[in-house]
Amino acid sequence: MTKRIAMATLGTQGDVQPYVALARAMIAQGYSVVIGTTDDFESMVTGYGIEFWSLGPSMQEFVKQSQFERAMNQNLLVNAPALLRQGQKIVDRAARSAWDMAQGADCIMLNMNTSFSIDIAEALDIPAIVAALQPLNSTSEFPLCIYYGPTFGKTINRLTYSTMTVQQIYYNLPRNKLRRELMGLGPRKNGGFFKDTDGTPLWTLNAYSEIISPRPRDWPKTSIVTGYWMLPDNSGWQPSEEFKTFLDKGPLPIYVGFGSMPWGADRNTDILREALTMWNGRVVVGRGWGGIKPDDLPADRVYVIDRAPHDQLFKYVKAVVHHGGAGTTASGLMLGKPTFIVPQMVDQPYWGGRVHEMGCGPKPVRRRKLTAEALADALSQLDSNPGFARNAEKIGEQLRAEDGTGKAIKVIERVMANYQPRSERKLA
């Protein structure tokens, strides 16, 4: 009998694309897979022949609202309460839809934004597996990935993960209501993203490479680093004739884009324009949700692309500058491209730091502190530092040899095969 896997994920494209890659690989091995996410990504999911389940309306509209912009650029504390209330409504709606999606599933997979799936798995008595796109399990070896600054030793490193407990309270508010109303369960007795209701660690698949982020030695054995879940492009994208003409007129350009982070588009554009007066090179600007406005940029040195798959576009550039999302970082390094990261939030500072520590690019600069001078200097380093290119290509060769989805599937199969129903645990 065909095993059915339900996957629930909320977020931007970087939070959805790895699940599509894993689902595609699982379907190729005979599994039935459904992905639940917001409506932004229906065409991406179905475009790979995967069943789509709506967990709510556009996430893009949520992150592009003016209140989110003010929170990122002005005062997070003032704007956070309203955003948290909206976020809890999104979680509530997604959980109710995911409950319907998971009926008949043999396993449910989740990310940190869909931790209600742990409750669904409990109610349906099926295994839940966490998929993490960044290192989130507590460790003393380095601080939580959202932390930006110097480290102060093992004790302080581990203390930084206490912020996850605070975040868990935010997610638990709608969860306990849903457990009671929707699933007929009592309140959760144990907290944490990585623990089952009885307090036992959940299996966690860390969907990135140990080459980039080595597995901490003090992690539980249930936390596995699989390698990246890379999604092959199926769009058939090719450079347009105009893009080919631009490429032929000079040396390889450098890519500049800020992915799904749309805040500060005017400021980003001004900084790029001024940087190009200090550095006499060429760039390809990727607009995406990031919204760089190219109208006043020098047309002879700048080519603008609204949307293109990174794993294809990056083949035509010398180096990349971006926000540091896990997926974009992986795409650049997989192709051996030197990288400069301008992090804005969540795990982006961590990936920026790792790229620099591996010798693949300049030290990251937070978006709020980015200046035209800093960007021009980074572009110059990417263009002229042979060490960055050499190290990035070496890393790329190693990444291309990994099989992240294959390793993940083996763990999923083992977890399902060894799962003990709760009724049997009580008898034991």
Foldseek 3Di string as FASTA:
>chain_A
DAAEEEEEFEDDPLGPQLVLLLCLVVVVVPHQYEYEYAPVCPCVNVVSVHHYFYLYYDPLVLCPDVLNLCCQQPNVVVSVVVSLVVLQVSQLSSLLRVLVVCVPHQEYEYEPSNLLVLLSCQLVQHAYEYEAQDDLPAFQPAAALQDDDDDDGSVVRRVNSVVQVVVQVSNQVSSQVCCVPPRVHHRQPDTDSQAHSVGHGGQYEHAADCLLPNDHPPDDPSYYDQHHSDDDDPPPDDDDPVVVVLLVVDPFAEEEEAASNQHPQVVVQVLQQLLCVVAVAAYEYECHSNHNDCPPHPPSRYHYDPDDDLLPVLVRHQAYEYQQRSNNLCSRLLQQHQYEHAHRGRNRQVSQCSSVVLQQFDRYHHPNPDGSVNVSVRSVCSVPPVSNSVSSVVSNVVSVPGDRSVRVVVVVVVCSVPRDGPVVVVVD
